């Protein structure tokens, strides 16, 4: 079985969170890139469930961080 993984930028709030939630509902493993506070990250994990939702601290606007 092939695991599908989605990378969602801004995945711990707003449209990014809704997108991440939809991917999880569709069976994807989700990695969310976020610069949100620890409280927002914890709230997102609680809302979606940590089983298929992981968060990395990453400012995708910073080229050096992404490389």
Protein backbone atom coordinates (compact mmCIF):
# COMPACT_ATOMS: atom_id res chain seq x y z
CA UNK A 1 0.00 0.00 0.00
CA UNK A 2 1.36 3.39 -0.96
CA UNK A 3 1.12 6.13 1.62
CA UNK A 4 0.04 9.51 0.30
CA UNK A 5 1.63 12.52 1.97
CA UNK A 6 0.55 16.14 1.63
CA UNK A 7 2.66 19.14 2.62
CA UNK A 8 0.45 22.07 3.60
CA UNK A 9 1.95 25.49 4.17
CA UNK A 10 0.22 27.48 6.89
CA UNK A 11 -1.43 24.24 7.94
CA UNK A 12 -2.21 25.17 11.53
CA UNK A 13 -4.72 27.97 10.95
CA UNK A 14 -7.27 29.33 8.51
CA UNK A 15 -7.45 27.92 5.00
CA UNK A 16 -4.30 25.87 5.56
CA UNK A 17 -5.85 24.13 8.56
CA UNK A 18 -9.05 23.41 6.62
CA UNK A 19 -6.96 22.01 3.76
CA UNK A 20 -4.93 19.83 6.11
CA UNK A 21 -8.11 18.53 7.72
CA UNK A 22 -9.58 17.61 4.33
CA UNK A 23 -6.42 15.74 3.33
CA UNK A 24 -6.51 13.75 6.59
CA UNK A 25 -10.19 12.92 5.99
CA UNK A 26 -9.21 11.65 2.54
CA UNK A 27 -6.59 9.32 4.05
CA UNK A 28 -3.41 11.34 3.60
CA UNK A 29 -0.58 11.76 6.06
CA UNK A 30 -0.18 15.52 6.44
CA UNK A 31 2.91 17.56 7.22
CA UNK A 32 2.04 21.15 7.99
CA UNK A 33 4.66 23.88 7.71
CA UNK A 34 3.88 26.64 10.17
CA UNK A 35 5.31 29.60 12.04
CA UNK A 36 2.37 29.73 14.45
CA UNK A 37 2.74 29.69 18.23
CA UNK A 38 2.89 26.45 20.18
CA UNK A 39 -0.68 27.08 21.38
CA UNK A 40 -2.01 27.26 17.81
CA UNK A 41 -0.07 24.16 16.82
CA UNK A 42 -1.48 22.25 19.81
CA UNK A 43 -5.00 23.42 18.98
CA UNK A 44 -4.62 22.30 15.36
CA UNK A 45 -3.33 18.88 16.43
CA UNK A 46 -6.25 18.52 18.82
CA UNK A 47 -8.74 19.54 16.13
CA UNK A 48 -7.39 17.21 13.44
CA UNK A 49 -5.88 14.49 15.60
CA UNK A 50 -2.16 13.78 15.83
CA UNK A 51 -2.31 10.32 14.24
CA UNK A 52 -1.94 11.56 10.65
CA UNK A 53 -1.00 15.21 11.20
CA UNK A 54 2.52 16.44 11.90
CA UNK A 55 3.78 20.01 12.16
CA UNK A 56 7.22 21.36 11.37
CA UNK A 57 8.31 24.89 12.19
CA UNK A 58 9.22 26.38 8.85
CA UNK A 59 8.90 29.82 7.33
CA UNK A 60 8.48 28.96 3.65
CA UNK A 61 9.08 32.61 2.76
CA UNK A 62 12.68 32.19 3.95
CA UNK A 63 14.53 30.47 1.11
CA UNK A 64 17.46 29.44 3.33
CA UNK A 65 15.13 27.58 5.69
CA UNK A 66 13.39 25.69 2.91
CA UNK A 67 16.55 24.50 1.17
